[in-house]
PDB file of N, CA and C in Angstrom:
ATOM      1  N   MET A   1     -41.086   7.913  81.485  1.00  0.00           N
ATOM      2  CA  MET A   1     -40.940   6.513  81.136  1.00  0.00           C
ATOM      3  C   MET A   1     -40.692   5.706  82.402  1.00  0.00           C
ATOM      4  N   THR A   2     -41.431   4.620  82.566  1.00  0.00           N
ATOM      5  CA  THR A   2     -41.235   3.782  83.733  1.00  0.00           C
ATOM      6  C   THR A   2     -40.109   2.796  83.472  1.00  0.00           C
ATOM      7  N   LYS A   3     -39.422   2.450  84.518  1.00  0.00           N
ATOM      8  CA  LYS A   3     -38.337   1.484  84.388  1.00  0.00           C
ATOM      9  C   LYS A   3     -38.926   0.083  84.463  1.00  0.00           C
ATOM     10  N   ARG A   4     -38.539  -0.737  83.519  1.00  0.00           N
ATOM     11  CA  ARG A   4     -39.045  -2.108  83.450  1.00  0.00           C
ATOM     12  C   ARG A   4     -38.004  -3.075  83.997  1.00  0.00           C
ATOM     13  N   ASN A   5     -38.461  -3.995  84.834  1.00  0.00           N
ATOM     14  CA  ASN A   5     -37.574  -5.001  85.397  1.00  0.00           C
ATOM     15  C   ASN A   5     -37.002  -5.883  84.299  1.00  0.00           C
ATOM     16  N   LEU A   6     -35.870  -6.486  84.581  1.00  0.00           N
ATOM     17  CA  LEU A   6     -35.241  -7.438  83.666  1.00  0.00           C
ATOM     18  C   LEU A   6     -35.602  -8.852  84.121  1.00  0.00           C
ATOM     19  N   HIS A   7     -35.922  -9.711  83.166  1.00  0.00           N
ATOM     20  CA  HIS A   7     -36.301 -11.084  83.467  1.00  0.00           C
ATOM     21  C   HIS A   7     -35.370 -12.039  82.740  1.00  0.00           C
ATOM     22  N   VAL A   8     -34.971 -13.104  83.417  1.00  0.00           N
ATOM     23  CA  VAL A   8     -34.225 -14.199  82.800  1.00  0.00           C
ATOM     24  C   VAL A   8     -35.228 -15.330  82.665  1.00  0.00           C
ATOM     25  N   VAL A   9     -35.555 -15.676  81.423  1.00  0.00           N
ATOM     26  CA  VAL A   9     -36.629 -16.629  81.142  1.00  0.00           C
ATOM     27  C   VAL A   9     -36.138 -17.760  80.243  1.00  0.00           C
ATOM     28  N   PRO A  10     -36.818 -18.920  80.295  1.00  0.00           N
ATOM     29  CA  PRO A  10     -36.468 -20.015  79.384  1.00  0.00           C
ATOM     30  C   PRO A  10     -36.684 -19.592  77.930  1.00  0.00           C
ATOM     31  N   HIS A  11     -35.845 -20.117  77.050  1.00  0.00           N
ATOM     32  CA  HIS A  11     -35.906 -19.785  75.625  1.00  0.00           C
ATOM     33  C   HIS A  11     -35.569 -21.046  74.856  1.00  0.00           C
ATOM     34  N   GLU A  12     -36.040 -21.150  73.630  1.00  0.00           N
ATOM     35  CA  GLU A  12     -35.779 -22.364  72.842  1.00  0.00           C
ATOM     36  C   GLU A  12     -34.297 -22.626  72.630  1.00  0.00           C
ATOM     37  N   GLU A  13     -33.459 -21.595  72.716  1.00  0.00           N
ATOM     38  CA  GLU A  13     -32.014 -21.756  72.544  1.00  0.00           C
ATOM     39  C   GLU A  13     -31.258 -21.724  73.866  1.00  0.00           C
ATOM     40  N   GLY A  14     -31.953 -21.833  75.000  1.00  0.00           N
ATOM     41  CA  GLY A  14     -31.325 -21.804  76.316  1.00  0.00           C
ATOM     42  C   GLY A  14     -32.113 -20.912  77.246  1.00  0.00           C
ATOM     43  N   CYS A  15     -31.550 -19.759  77.563  1.00  0.00           N
ATOM     44  CA  CYS A  15     -32.218 -18.768  78.407  1.00  0.00           C
ATOM     45  C   CYS A  15     -32.051 -17.387  77.793  1.00  0.00           C
ATOM     46  N   ALA A  16     -33.028 -16.542  78.029  1.00  0.00           N
ATOM     47  CA  ALA A  16     -32.998 -15.201  77.455  1.00  0.00           C
ATOM     48  C   ALA A  16     -33.147 -14.161  78.561  1.00  0.00           C
ATOM     49  N   ALA A  17     -32.545 -13.009  78.344  1.00  0.00           N
ATOM     50  CA  ALA A  17     -32.728 -11.848  79.211  1.00  0.00           C
ATOM     51  C   ALA A  17     -33.644 -10.902  78.445  1.00  0.00           C
ATOM     52  N   LYS A  18     -34.737 -10.487  79.087  1.00  0.00           N
ATOM     53  CA  LYS A  18     -35.645  -9.567  78.411  1.00  0.00           C
ATOM     54  C   LYS A  18     -36.305  -8.635  79.414  1.00  0.00           C
ATOM     55  N   ARG A  19     -36.690  -7.472  78.932  1.00  0.00           N
ATOM     56  CA  ARG A  19     -37.367  -6.471  79.747  1.00  0.00           C
ATOM     57  C   ARG A  19     -38.818  -6.876  79.949  1.00  0.00           C
ATOM     58  N   GLY A  20     -39.369  -6.516  81.087  1.00  0.00           N
ATOM     59  CA  GLY A  20     -40.777  -6.770  81.340  1.00  0.00           C
ATOM     60  C   GLY A  20     -41.635  -6.088  80.293  1.00  0.00           C
ATOM     61  N   GLY A  21     -42.577  -6.823  79.712  1.00  0.00           N
ATOM     62  CA  GLY A  21     -43.465  -6.278  78.700  1.00  0.00           C
ATOM     63  C   GLY A  21     -42.919  -6.299  77.292  1.00  0.00           C
ATOM     64  N   ALA A  22     -41.668  -6.692  77.109  1.00  0.00           N
ATOM     65  CA  ALA A  22     -41.055  -6.717  75.775  1.00  0.00           C
ATOM     66  C   ALA A  22     -41.452  -7.990  75.031  1.00  0.00           C
ATOM     67  N   ASP A  23     -41.567  -7.884  73.727  1.00  0.00           N
ATOM     68  CA  ASP A  23     -41.873  -9.050  72.901  1.00  0.00           C
ATOM     69  C   ASP A  23     -40.617  -9.840  72.565  1.00  0.00           C
ATOM     70  N   ARG A  24     -39.521  -9.131  72.342  1.00  0.00           N
ATOM     71  CA  ARG A  24     -38.265  -9.773  71.951  1.00  0.00           C
ATOM     72  C   ARG A  24     -37.276  -9.779  73.113  1.00  0.00           C
ATOM     73  N   ALA A  25     -36.390 -10.758  73.086  1.00  0.00           N
ATOM     74  CA  ALA A  25     -35.351 -10.865  74.105  1.00  0.00           C
ATOM     75  C   ALA A  25     -34.240  -9.856  73.833  1.00  0.00           C
ATOM     76  N   SER A  26     -33.665  -9.319  74.898  1.00  0.00           N
ATOM     77  CA  SER A  26     -32.510  -8.431  74.761  1.00  0.00           C
ATOM     78  C   SER A  26     -31.288  -9.229  74.340  1.00  0.00           C
ATOM     79  N   SER A  27     -31.149 -10.435  74.926  1.00  0.00           N
ATOM     80  CA  SER A  27     -30.041 -11.318  74.573  1.00  0.00           C
ATOM     81  C   SER A  27     -30.428 -12.755  74.885  1.00  0.00           C
ATOM     82  N   VAL A  28     -29.828 -13.700  74.161  1.00  0.00           N
ATOM     83  CA  VAL A  28     -30.088 -15.129  74.347  1.00  0.00           C
ATOM     84  C   VAL A  28     -28.762 -15.814  74.657  1.00  0.00           C
ATOM     85  N   HIS A  29     -28.790 -16.739  75.630  1.00  0.00           N
ATOM     86  CA  HIS A  29     -27.571 -17.407  76.088  1.00  0.00           C
ATOM     87  C   HIS A  29     -27.831 -18.898  76.256  1.00  0.00           C
ATOM     88  N   PRO A  30     -26.789 -19.716  76.161  1.00  0.00           N
ATOM     89  CA  PRO A  30     -26.979 -21.160  76.282  1.00  0.00           C
ATOM     90  C   PRO A  30     -27.365 -21.607  77.695  1.00  0.00           C
ATOM     91  N   THR A  31     -26.946 -20.863  78.724  1.00  0.00           N
ATOM     92  CA  THR A  31     -27.259 -21.259  80.095  1.00  0.00           C
ATOM     93  C   THR A  31     -27.928 -20.110  80.854  1.00  0.00           C
ATOM     94  N   GLN A  32     -28.632 -20.488  81.917  1.00  0.00           N
ATOM     95  CA  GLN A  32     -29.287 -19.485  82.748  1.00  0.00           C
ATOM     96  C   GLN A  32     -28.250 -18.596  83.444  1.00  0.00           C
ATOM     97  N   ARG A  33     -27.175 -19.180  83.877  1.00  0.00           N
ATOM     98  CA  ARG A  33     -26.123 -18.421  84.549  1.00  0.00           C
ATOM     99  C   ARG A  33     -25.554 -17.327  83.640  1.00  0.00           C
ATOM    100  N   GLU A  34     -25.292 -17.680  82.384  1.00  0.00           N
ATOM    101  CA  GLU A  34     -24.762 -16.688  81.440  1.00  0.00           C
ATOM    102  C   GLU A  34     -25.776 -15.570  81.189  1.00  0.00           C
ATOM    103  N   ALA A  35     -27.054 -15.919  81.126  1.00  0.00           N
ATOM    104  CA  ALA A  35     -28.097 -14.904  80.925  1.00  0.00           C
ATOM    105  C   ALA A  35     -28.164 -13.965  82.134  1.00  0.00           C
ATOM    106  N   GLN A  36     -28.037 -14.518  83.331  1.00  0.00           N
ATOM    107  CA  GLN A  36     -28.034 -13.695  84.544  1.00  0.00           C
ATOM    108  C   GLN A  36     -26.836 -12.745  84.557  1.00  0.00           C
ATOM    109  N   GLU A  37     -25.665 -13.271  84.240  1.00  0.00           N
ATOM    110  CA  GLU A  37     -24.452 -12.449  84.245  1.00  0.00           C
ATOM    111  C   GLU A  37     -24.527 -11.328  83.213  1.00  0.00           C
ATOM    112  N   ALA A  38     -25.188 -11.595  82.082  1.00  0.00           N
ATOM    113  CA  ALA A  38     -25.327 -10.571  81.052  1.00  0.00           C
ATOM    114  C   ALA A  38     -26.349  -9.510  81.458  1.00  0.00           C
ATOM    115  N   ALA A  39     -27.389  -9.898  82.164  1.00  0.00           N
ATOM    116  CA  ALA A  39     -28.459  -8.973  82.535  1.00  0.00           C
ATOM    117  C   ALA A  39     -28.134  -8.151  83.789  1.00  0.00           C
ATOM    118  N   ARG A  40     -27.302  -8.677  84.667  1.00  0.00           N
ATOM    119  CA  ARG A  40     -27.017  -8.016  85.946  1.00  0.00           C
ATOM    120  C   ARG A  40     -26.473  -6.588  85.801  1.00  0.00           C
ATOM    121  N   PRO A  41     -25.499  -6.311  84.934  1.00  0.00           N
ATOM    122  CA  PRO A  41     -25.010  -4.929  84.802  1.00  0.00           C
ATOM    123  C   PRO A  41     -26.101  -3.945  84.364  1.00  0.00           C
ATOM    124  N   ALA A  42     -26.980  -4.371  83.471  1.00  0.00           N
ATOM    125  CA  ALA A  42     -28.070  -3.494  83.025  1.00  0.00           C
ATOM    126  C   ALA A  42     -29.055  -3.240  84.159  1.00  0.00           C
ATOM    127  N   ALA A  43     -29.328  -4.263  84.969  1.00  0.00           N
ATOM    128  CA  ALA A  43     -30.234  -4.089  86.107  1.00  0.00           C
ATOM    129  C   ALA A  43     -29.632  -3.111  87.127  1.00  0.00           C
ATOM    130  N   LYS A  44     -28.337  -3.235  87.365  1.00  0.00           N
ATOM    131  CA  LYS A  44     -27.670  -2.311  88.286  1.00  0.00           C
ATOM    132  C   LYS A  44     -27.673  -0.894  87.731  1.00  0.00           C
ATOM    133  N   ARG A  45     -27.370  -0.749  86.444  1.00  0.00           N
ATOM    134  CA  ARG A  45     -27.319   0.566  85.808  1.00  0.00           C
ATOM    135  C   ARG A  45     -28.679   1.250  85.846  1.00  0.00           C
ATOM    136  N   ASP A  46     -29.742   0.483  85.541  1.00  0.00           N
ATOM    137  CA  ASP A  46     -31.083   1.054  85.476  1.00  0.00           C
ATOM    138  C   ASP A  46     -31.807   1.045  86.818  1.00  0.00           C
ATOM    139  N   ARG A  47     -31.157   0.447  87.844  1.00  0.00           N
ATOM    140  CA  ARG A  47     -31.717   0.373  89.196  1.00  0.00           C
ATOM    141  C   ARG A  47     -33.096  -0.269  89.202  1.00  0.00           C
ATOM    142  N   VAL A  48     -33.155  -1.468  88.599  1.00  0.00           N
ATOM    143  CA  VAL A  48     -34.394  -2.234  88.538  1.00  0.00           C
ATOM    144  C   VAL A  48     -34.161  -3.618  89.142  1.00  0.00           C
ATOM    145  N   GLU A  49     -35.193  -4.427  89.159  1.00  0.00           N
ATOM    146  CA  GLU A  49     -35.100  -5.765  89.710  1.00  0.00           C
ATOM    147  C   GLU A  49     -34.758  -6.772  88.622  1.00  0.00           C
ATOM    148  N   LEU A  50     -33.912  -7.730  88.955  1.00  0.00           N
ATOM    149  CA  LEU A  50     -33.575  -8.831  88.062  1.00  0.00           C
ATOM    150  C   LEU A  50     -34.364 -10.036  88.559  1.00  0.00           C
ATOM    151  N   VAL A  51     -35.286 -10.527  87.745  1.00  0.00           N
ATOM    152  CA  VAL A  51     -36.183 -11.622  88.122  1.00  0.00           C
ATOM    153  C   VAL A  51     -35.776 -12.868  87.350  1.00  0.00           C
ATOM    154  N   ILE A  52     -35.490 -13.956  88.081  1.00  0.00           N
ATOM    155  CA  ILE A  52     -35.035 -15.199  87.463  1.00  0.00           C
ATOM    156  C   ILE A  52     -36.186 -16.205  87.481  1.00  0.00           C
ATOM    157  N   HIS A  53     -36.522 -16.724  86.298  1.00  0.00           N
ATOM    158  CA  HIS A  53     -37.603 -17.697  86.160  1.00  0.00           C
ATOM    159  C   HIS A  53     -37.018 -19.082  85.939  1.00  0.00           C
ATOM    160  N   GLY A  54     -37.684 -20.106  86.477  1.00  0.00           N
ATOM    161  CA  GLY A  54     -37.269 -21.490  86.276  1.00  0.00           C
ATOM    162  C   GLY A  54     -37.763 -22.019  84.944  1.00  0.00           C
ATOM    163  N   ARG A  55     -37.488 -23.293  84.681  1.00  0.00           N
ATOM    164  CA  ARG A  55     -37.914 -23.920  83.417  1.00  0.00           C
ATOM    165  C   ARG A  55     -39.428 -23.900  83.237  1.00  0.00           C
ATOM    166  N   ASP A  56     -40.165 -23.944  84.363  1.00  0.00           N
ATOM    167  CA  ASP A  56     -41.621 -23.942  84.286  1.00  0.00           C
ATOM    168  C   ASP A  56     -42.199 -22.535  84.141  1.00  0.00           C
ATOM    169  N   GLY A  57     -41.329 -21.522  84.131  1.00  0.00           N
ATOM    170  CA  GLY A  57     -41.775 -20.142  83.972  1.00  0.00           C
ATOM    171  C   GLY A  57     -42.078 -19.433  85.273  1.00  0.00           C
ATOM    172  N   LYS A  58     -42.119 -20.171  86.380  1.00  0.00           N
ATOM    173  CA  LYS A  58     -42.386 -19.558  87.683  1.00  0.00           C
ATOM    174  C   LYS A  58     -41.144 -18.841  88.195  1.00  0.00           C
ATOM    175  N   ILE A  59     -41.361 -17.806  88.989  1.00  0.00           N
ATOM    176  CA  ILE A  59     -40.240 -17.036  89.540  1.00  0.00           C
ATOM    177  C   ILE A  59     -39.483 -17.885  90.552  1.00  0.00           C
ATOM    178  N   ARG A  60     -38.168 -18.018  90.341  1.00  0.00           N
ATOM    179  CA  ARG A  60     -37.296 -18.762  91.258  1.00  0.00           C
ATOM    180  C   ARG A  60     -36.638 -17.852  92.261  1.00  0.00           C
ATOM    181  N   ASP A  61     -36.207 -16.677  91.777  1.00  0.00           N
ATOM    182  CA  ASP A  61     -35.427 -15.776  92.626  1.00  0.00           C
ATOM    183  C   ASP A  61     -35.492 -14.377  92.030  1.00  0.00           C
ATOM    184  N   SER A  62     -35.101 -13.401  92.815  1.00  0.00           N
ATOM    185  CA  SER A  62     -35.014 -12.033  92.283  1.00  0.00           C
ATOM    186  C   SER A  62     -33.920 -11.287  93.040  1.00  0.00           C
ATOM    187  N   GLU A  63     -33.343 -10.331  92.361  1.00  0.00           N
ATOM    188  CA  GLU A  63     -32.297  -9.492  92.938  1.00  0.00           C
ATOM    189  C   GLU A  63     -32.693  -8.047  92.681  1.00  0.00           C
ATOM    190  N   SER A  64     -32.795  -7.254  93.740  1.00  0.00           N
ATOM    191  CA  SER A  64     -33.233  -5.872  93.593  1.00  0.00           C
ATOM    192  C   SER A  64     -32.028  -4.941  93.591  1.00  0.00           C
ATOM    193  N   TYR A  65     -31.957  -4.085  92.586  1.00  0.00           N
ATOM    194  CA  TYR A  65     -30.871  -3.121  92.486  1.00  0.00           C
ATOM    195  C   TYR A  65     -31.369  -1.689  92.558  1.00  0.00           C
ATOM    196  N   GLY A  66     -32.643  -1.516  92.830  1.00  0.00           N
ATOM    197  CA  GLY A  66     -33.209  -0.182  92.954  1.00  0.00           C
ATOM    198  C   GLY A  66     -33.674   0.053  94.373  1.00  0.00           C
ATOM    199  N   HIS A  67     -34.517   1.035  94.543  1.00  0.00           N
ATOM    200  CA  HIS A  67     -35.106   1.311  95.850  1.00  0.00           C
ATOM    201  C   HIS A  67     -36.174   0.261  96.105  1.00  0.00           C
ATOM    202  N   ASP A  68     -35.990  -0.566  97.113  1.00  0.00           N
ATOM    203  CA  ASP A  68     -36.944  -1.618  97.452  1.00  0.00           C
ATOM    204  C   ASP A  68     -37.723  -1.192  98.687  1.00  0.00           C
ATOM    205  N   PRO A  69     -39.022  -0.869  98.560  1.00  0.00           N
ATOM    206  CA  PRO A  69     -39.789  -0.424  99.716  1.00  0.00           C
ATOM    207  C   PRO A  69     -40.000  -1.527 100.749  1.00  0.00           C
ATOM    208  N   ASN A  70     -39.867  -2.793 100.343  1.00  0.00           N
ATOM    209  CA  ASN A  70     -40.018  -3.930 101.255  1.00  0.00           C
ATOM    210  C   ASN A  70     -38.811  -4.842 101.142  1.00  0.00           C
ATOM    211  N   PRO A  71     -37.659  -4.431 101.694  1.00  0.00           N
ATOM    212  CA  PRO A  71     -36.455  -5.258 101.547  1.00  0.00           C
ATOM    213  C   PRO A  71     -36.611  -6.588 102.279  1.00  0.00           C
ATOM    214  N   PRO A  72     -35.953  -7.647 101.788  1.00  0.00           N
ATOM    215  CA  PRO A  72     -36.055  -8.938 102.447  1.00  0.00           C
ATOM    216  C   PRO A  72     -35.380  -8.914 103.817  1.00  0.00           C
ATOM    217  N   LYS A  73     -35.908  -9.722 104.717  1.00  0.00           N
ATOM    218  CA  LYS A  73     -35.343  -9.776 106.058  1.00  0.00           C
ATOM    219  C   LYS A  73     -34.119 -10.689 106.113  1.00  0.00           C
ATOM    220  N   ASP A  74     -34.079 -11.681 105.228  1.00  0.00           N
ATOM    221  CA  ASP A  74     -32.915 -12.585 105.198  1.00  0.00           C
ATOM    222  C   ASP A  74     -31.819 -12.002 104.333  1.00  0.00           C
ATOM    223  N   ARG A  75     -30.600 -12.366 104.639  1.00  0.00           N
ATOM    224  CA  ARG A  75     -29.442 -11.888 103.883  1.00  0.00           C
ATOM    225  C   ARG A  75     -28.777 -13.079 103.230  1.00  0.00           C
ATOM    226  N   ARG A  76     -28.300 -12.898 102.002  1.00  0.00           N
ATOM    227  CA  ARG A  76     -27.620 -13.989 101.292  1.00  0.00           C
ATOM    228  C   ARG A  76     -26.176 -14.033 101.653  1.00  0.00           C
TER     229      ARG A  76
END
């Protein structure tokens, strides 16, 4: 089984955390921050990437918790 990244995406009730390729959201939250905080432990546990999408659906940011073959050069 391949590990699927976690995505924080816009949802009609706020923001949702869902696995890549999933039809349904894992959890729905009123704010993007709450959705990120809820998804982060699962991303760390499963060693996958947490991808944050903006209101327009485009990727805003990502946090890698697994083996990243191309780590970013900048540090937060």
